[in-house]
Amino acid sequence: MNIAPHIAKGARFTIGARIESKFLDLLELSYAAYFSDKEKKPAKIAECIFVLDIVKFLITTAWEGKLISNKQCEDVAKKLDEIGKMLGGWKNSLVNTEKKNRTALG
């Protein structure tokens, strides 16, 4: 997420720092979700998805404010979409496993 160094100095320590902070929060939450109890995983993953949406919003805001280039926004957006697919798949696999277990037992 090498974005902050490319943002103008005036915004680097505001929105640039916020983007980096939220991305680190996302990494921390995903780590916590991976090692959390089975019952808590879906909630932790949902929190990860929420933070990812905030990161996407901040990136879009930086792009609309012309603080990052179209190319930078496009590159980051592709990576964030891939992360979103991974988190969504992870969450769905947990939900589908629970459904399968219910039907197998019932």
N, C-alpha and C. Protein backbone atom coordinates (compact mmCIF):
# COMPACT_ATOMS: atom_id res chain seq x y z
N MET A 1 0.84 -1.20 0.00
CA MET A 1 0.00 0.00 0.00
C MET A 1 0.87 1.24 0.00
N ASN A 2 1.76 1.31 -0.90
CA ASN A 2 2.72 2.40 -0.98
C ASN A 2 2.04 3.66 -1.52
N ILE A 3 1.08 4.19 -0.76
CA ILE A 3 0.31 5.33 -1.24
C ILE A 3 0.76 6.64 -0.62
N ALA A 4 0.96 6.66 0.68
CA ALA A 4 1.25 7.91 1.39
C ALA A 4 2.44 8.67 0.82
N PRO A 5 3.53 8.02 0.44
CA PRO A 5 4.66 8.80 -0.11
C PRO A 5 4.32 9.52 -1.41
N HIS A 6 3.29 9.07 -2.12
CA HIS A 6 2.93 9.68 -3.40
C HIS A 6 1.88 10.78 -3.26
N ILE A 7 1.38 10.96 -2.05
CA ILE A 7 0.39 12.00 -1.81
C ILE A 7 1.12 13.30 -1.48
N ALA A 8 0.55 14.41 -1.93
CA ALA A 8 1.14 15.72 -1.66
C ALA A 8 1.37 15.90 -0.16
N LYS A 9 2.43 16.60 0.18
CA LYS A 9 2.87 16.72 1.57
C LYS A 9 1.75 17.20 2.50
N GLY A 10 0.93 18.12 2.04
CA GLY A 10 -0.13 18.66 2.88
C GLY A 10 -1.15 17.62 3.29
N ALA A 11 -1.41 16.64 2.43
CA ALA A 11 -2.41 15.61 2.73
C ALA A 11 -1.78 14.30 3.18
N ARG A 12 -0.48 14.20 3.04
CA ARG A 12 0.21 12.95 3.37
C ARG A 12 0.01 12.55 4.83
N PHE A 13 -0.02 13.54 5.70
CA PHE A 13 -0.11 13.24 7.12
C PHE A 13 -1.55 13.28 7.63
N THR A 14 -2.48 13.47 6.73
CA THR A 14 -3.89 13.40 7.11
C THR A 14 -4.51 12.16 6.46
N ILE A 15 -4.96 12.30 5.22
CA ILE A 15 -5.62 11.16 4.58
C ILE A 15 -4.64 10.04 4.27
N GLY A 16 -3.41 10.38 3.91
CA GLY A 16 -2.40 9.35 3.64
C GLY A 16 -2.12 8.50 4.87
N ALA A 17 -1.95 9.16 5.99
CA ALA A 17 -1.70 8.44 7.25
C ALA A 17 -2.94 7.63 7.65
N ARG A 18 -4.11 8.18 7.39
CA ARG A 18 -5.35 7.48 7.74
C ARG A 18 -5.52 6.21 6.90
N ILE A 19 -5.18 6.29 5.62
CA ILE A 19 -5.25 5.11 4.75
C ILE A 19 -4.31 4.04 5.26
N GLU A 20 -3.08 4.42 5.55
CA GLU A 20 -2.11 3.45 6.05
C GLU A 20 -2.54 2.86 7.40
N SER A 21 -3.08 3.71 8.25
CA SER A 21 -3.54 3.25 9.56
C SER A 21 -4.67 2.23 9.42
N LYS A 22 -5.63 2.55 8.56
CA LYS A 22 -6.77 1.63 8.36
C LYS A 22 -6.32 0.33 7.72
N PHE A 23 -5.36 0.41 6.81
CA PHE A 23 -4.86 -0.81 6.20
C PHE A 23 -4.17 -1.69 7.25
N LEU A 24 -3.40 -1.07 8.14
CA LEU A 24 -2.78 -1.83 9.22
C LEU A 24 -3.83 -2.40 10.17
N ASP A 25 -4.90 -1.64 10.42
CA ASP A 25 -6.01 -2.16 11.22
C ASP A 25 -6.61 -3.41 10.56
N LEU A 26 -6.73 -3.36 9.23
CA LEU A 26 -7.26 -4.50 8.50
C LEU A 26 -6.36 -5.73 8.66
N LEU A 27 -5.07 -5.53 8.56
CA LEU A 27 -4.13 -6.63 8.76
C LEU A 27 -4.25 -7.21 10.16
N GLU A 28 -4.33 -6.32 11.14
CA GLU A 28 -4.45 -6.75 12.53
C GLU A 28 -5.75 -7.53 12.77
N LEU A 29 -6.85 -7.02 12.23
CA LEU A 29 -8.14 -7.70 12.39
C LEU A 29 -8.17 -9.06 11.70
N SER A 30 -7.56 -9.14 10.53
CA SER A 30 -7.55 -10.42 9.82
C SER A 30 -6.71 -11.44 10.58
N TYR A 31 -5.64 -10.99 11.18
CA TYR A 31 -4.81 -11.87 12.03
C TYR A 31 -5.63 -12.36 13.22
N ALA A 32 -6.33 -11.43 13.85
CA ALA A 32 -7.16 -11.78 15.00
C ALA A 32 -8.27 -12.74 14.58
N ALA A 33 -8.85 -12.52 13.40
CA ALA A 33 -9.92 -13.41 12.93
C ALA A 33 -9.39 -14.81 12.68
N TYR A 34 -8.21 -14.91 12.13
CA TYR A 34 -7.63 -16.21 11.83
C TYR A 34 -7.44 -17.05 13.09
N PHE A 35 -7.04 -16.39 14.18
CA PHE A 35 -6.75 -17.11 15.41
C PHE A 35 -7.88 -17.05 16.43
N SER A 36 -9.03 -16.51 16.05
CA SER A 36 -10.14 -16.42 17.00
C SER A 36 -10.91 -17.74 17.06
N ASP A 37 -11.74 -17.84 18.07
CA ASP A 37 -12.58 -19.03 18.23
C ASP A 37 -13.55 -19.15 17.06
N LYS A 38 -13.96 -20.36 16.77
CA LYS A 38 -14.83 -20.64 15.63
C LYS A 38 -16.12 -19.81 15.67
N GLU A 39 -16.67 -19.62 16.88
CA GLU A 39 -17.92 -18.87 17.01
C GLU A 39 -17.72 -17.38 16.72
N LYS A 40 -16.52 -16.87 16.96
CA LYS A 40 -16.26 -15.44 16.81
C LYS A 40 -15.75 -15.07 15.42
N LYS A 41 -15.33 -16.06 14.64
CA LYS A 41 -14.74 -15.79 13.33
C LYS A 41 -15.66 -14.99 12.39
N PRO A 42 -16.93 -15.37 12.23
CA PRO A 42 -17.78 -14.60 11.30
C PRO A 42 -17.88 -13.13 11.66
N ALA A 43 -17.98 -12.82 12.94
CA ALA A 43 -18.07 -11.43 13.38
C ALA A 43 -16.76 -10.69 13.10
N LYS A 44 -15.64 -11.36 13.35
CA LYS A 44 -14.33 -10.74 13.10
C LYS A 44 -14.13 -10.49 11.60
N ILE A 45 -14.56 -11.45 10.79
CA ILE A 45 -14.42 -11.29 9.34
C ILE A 45 -15.33 -10.17 8.85
N ALA A 46 -16.52 -10.06 9.40
CA ALA A 46 -17.42 -8.96 9.05
C ALA A 46 -16.79 -7.62 9.40
N GLU A 47 -16.09 -7.57 10.51
CA GLU A 47 -15.39 -6.35 10.91
C GLU A 47 -14.26 -6.05 9.92
N CYS A 48 -13.57 -7.07 9.46
CA CYS A 48 -12.53 -6.90 8.44
C CYS A 48 -13.12 -6.30 7.17
N ILE A 49 -14.26 -6.83 6.76
CA ILE A 49 -14.91 -6.34 5.54
C ILE A 49 -15.32 -4.88 5.70
N PHE A 50 -15.79 -4.52 6.89
CA PHE A 50 -16.16 -3.13 7.16
C PHE A 50 -14.94 -2.21 7.05
N VAL A 51 -13.82 -2.61 7.64
CA VAL A 51 -12.60 -1.79 7.58
C VAL A 51 -12.10 -1.72 6.13
N LEU A 52 -12.22 -2.81 5.39
CA LEU A 52 -11.83 -2.80 3.97
C LEU A 52 -12.66 -1.77 3.21
N ASP A 53 -13.95 -1.72 3.49
CA ASP A 53 -14.81 -0.73 2.83
C ASP A 53 -14.39 0.70 3.18
N ILE A 54 -13.95 0.92 4.41
CA ILE A 54 -13.45 2.24 4.80
C ILE A 54 -12.19 2.57 4.02
N VAL A 55 -11.29 1.60 3.87
CA VAL A 55 -10.06 1.83 3.10
C VAL A 55 -10.42 2.19 1.66
N LYS A 56 -11.37 1.47 1.07
CA LYS A 56 -11.80 1.77 -0.30
C LYS A 56 -12.36 3.19 -0.39
N PHE A 57 -13.15 3.56 0.59
CA PHE A 57 -13.72 4.91 0.62
C PHE A 57 -12.62 5.97 0.69
N LEU A 58 -11.62 5.75 1.55
CA LEU A 58 -10.54 6.72 1.69
C LEU A 58 -9.70 6.81 0.42
N ILE A 59 -9.47 5.69 -0.24
CA ILE A 59 -8.74 5.69 -1.51
C ILE A 59 -9.52 6.48 -2.56
N THR A 60 -10.82 6.23 -2.62
CA THR A 60 -11.67 6.95 -3.57
C THR A 60 -11.67 8.45 -3.28
N THR A 61 -11.71 8.79 -2.02
CA THR A 61 -11.68 10.20 -1.62
C THR A 61 -10.36 10.84 -2.03
N ALA A 62 -9.26 10.14 -1.83
CA ALA A 62 -7.94 10.66 -2.23
C ALA A 62 -7.88 10.83 -3.74
N TRP A 63 -8.46 9.89 -4.48
CA TRP A 63 -8.47 9.99 -5.94
C TRP A 63 -9.33 11.16 -6.41
N GLU A 64 -10.52 11.29 -5.81
CA GLU A 64 -11.41 12.39 -6.20
C GLU A 64 -10.80 13.75 -5.87
N GLY A 65 -10.00 13.80 -4.80
CA GLY A 65 -9.32 15.03 -4.45
C GLY A 65 -8.03 15.25 -5.23
N LYS A 66 -7.79 14.37 -6.20
CA LYS A 66 -6.61 14.42 -7.06
C LYS A 66 -5.31 14.34 -6.26
N LEU A 67 -5.36 13.57 -5.16
CA LEU A 67 -4.18 13.37 -4.33
C LEU A 67 -3.38 12.15 -4.80
N ILE A 68 -4.05 11.24 -5.50
CA ILE A 68 -3.37 10.10 -6.11
C ILE A 68 -3.80 10.01 -7.57
N SER A 69 -2.95 9.41 -8.38
CA SER A 69 -3.22 9.32 -9.82
C SER A 69 -4.26 8.24 -10.13
N ASN A 70 -4.75 8.28 -11.36
CA ASN A 70 -5.69 7.25 -11.81
C ASN A 70 -5.04 5.88 -11.74
N LYS A 71 -3.79 5.78 -12.15
CA LYS A 71 -3.07 4.50 -12.15
C LYS A 71 -2.93 3.96 -10.73
N GLN A 72 -2.55 4.82 -9.78
CA GLN A 72 -2.41 4.39 -8.39
C GLN A 72 -3.75 3.91 -7.85
N CYS A 73 -4.81 4.65 -8.13
CA CYS A 73 -6.14 4.28 -7.66
C CYS A 73 -6.56 2.94 -8.26
N GLU A 74 -6.32 2.77 -9.54
CA GLU A 74 -6.68 1.53 -10.22
C GLU A 74 -5.92 0.34 -9.65
N ASP A 75 -4.61 0.51 -9.45
CA ASP A 75 -3.79 -0.58 -8.91
C ASP A 75 -4.24 -0.99 -7.52
N VAL A 76 -4.49 0.00 -6.67
CA VAL A 76 -4.92 -0.28 -5.31
C VAL A 76 -6.32 -0.88 -5.30
N ALA A 77 -7.20 -0.36 -6.15
CA ALA A 77 -8.57 -0.86 -6.21
C ALA A 77 -8.60 -2.34 -6.59
N LYS A 78 -7.75 -2.75 -7.52
CA LYS A 78 -7.68 -4.16 -7.91
C LYS A 78 -7.25 -5.03 -6.73
N LYS A 79 -6.26 -4.57 -6.00
CA LYS A 79 -5.76 -5.33 -4.85
C LYS A 79 -6.82 -5.40 -3.75
N LEU A 80 -7.49 -4.29 -3.52
CA LEU A 80 -8.53 -4.26 -2.49
C LEU A 80 -9.72 -5.14 -2.88
N ASP A 81 -10.06 -5.16 -4.16
CA ASP A 81 -11.14 -6.05 -4.62
C ASP A 81 -10.77 -7.51 -4.40
N GLU A 82 -9.51 -7.85 -4.66
CA GLU A 82 -9.06 -9.22 -4.43
C GLU A 82 -9.13 -9.58 -2.94
N ILE A 83 -8.74 -8.65 -2.09
CA ILE A 83 -8.84 -8.87 -0.65
C ILE A 83 -10.30 -9.07 -0.25
N GLY A 84 -11.18 -8.25 -0.83
CA GLY A 84 -12.61 -8.37 -0.55
C GLY A 84 -13.16 -9.73 -0.96
N LYS A 85 -12.72 -10.24 -2.10
CA LYS A 85 -13.16 -11.57 -2.54
C LYS A 85 -12.68 -12.65 -1.58
N MET A 86 -11.45 -12.50 -1.12
CA MET A 86 -10.91 -13.48 -0.17
C MET A 86 -11.69 -13.46 1.14
N LEU A 87 -11.94 -12.26 1.65
CA LEU A 87 -12.69 -12.16 2.91
C LEU A 87 -14.11 -12.67 2.75
N GLY A 88 -14.75 -12.33 1.63
CA GLY A 88 -16.11 -12.81 1.38
C GLY A 88 -16.15 -14.33 1.26
N GLY A 89 -15.17 -14.90 0.58
CA GLY A 89 -15.10 -16.35 0.46
C GLY A 89 -14.88 -17.02 1.80
N TRP A 90 -14.03 -16.41 2.61
CA TRP A 90 -13.75 -16.94 3.95
C TRP A 90 -15.03 -16.93 4.78
N LYS A 91 -15.73 -15.80 4.75
CA LYS A 91 -16.97 -15.68 5.52
C LYS A 91 -18.02 -16.67 5.02
N ASN A 92 -18.16 -16.79 3.70
CA ASN A 92 -19.14 -17.73 3.13
C ASN A 92 -18.79 -19.17 3.46
N SER A 93 -17.52 -19.50 3.49
CA SER A 93 -17.13 -20.88 3.82
C SER A 93 -17.52 -21.23 5.25
N LEU A 94 -17.44 -20.26 6.14
CA LEU A 94 -17.85 -20.50 7.53
C LEU A 94 -19.35 -20.66 7.64
N VAL A 95 -20.09 -19.83 6.93
CA VAL A 95 -21.55 -19.89 6.96
C VAL A 95 -22.02 -21.19 6.32
N ASN A 96 -21.45 -21.56 5.18
CA ASN A 96 -21.86 -22.78 4.49
C ASN A 96 -21.52 -24.03 5.30
N THR A 97 -20.41 -24.01 6.02
CA THR A 97 -20.04 -25.14 6.87
C THR A 97 -21.08 -25.31 7.97
N GLU A 98 -21.51 -24.20 8.55
CA GLU A 98 -22.52 -24.27 9.60
C GLU A 98 -23.83 -24.83 9.05
N LYS A 99 -24.21 -24.43 7.84
CA LYS A 99 -25.45 -24.92 7.23
C LYS A 99 -25.34 -26.42 6.94
N LYS A 100 -24.18 -26.83 6.43
CA LYS A 100 -23.98 -28.26 6.14
C LYS A 100 -24.06 -29.10 7.40
N ASN A 101 -23.46 -28.60 8.48
CA ASN A 101 -23.48 -29.33 9.73
C ASN A 101 -24.91 -29.44 10.29
N ARG A 102 -25.70 -28.42 10.11
CA ARG A 102 -27.08 -28.45 10.61
C ARG A 102 -27.91 -29.47 9.84
N THR A 103 -27.76 -29.52 8.53
CA THR A 103 -28.55 -30.45 7.74
C THR A 103 -28.07 -31.88 7.95
N ALA A 104 -26.79 -32.06 8.17
CA ALA A 104 -26.26 -33.41 8.38
C ALA A 104 -26.73 -33.97 9.72
N LEU A 105 -26.86 -33.08 10.71
CA LEU A 105 -27.27 -33.53 12.04
C LEU A 105 -28.79 -33.67 12.14
N GLY A 106 -29.51 -32.88 11.37
CA GLY A 106 -30.97 -32.85 11.49
C GLY A 106 -31.58 -33.84 10.64
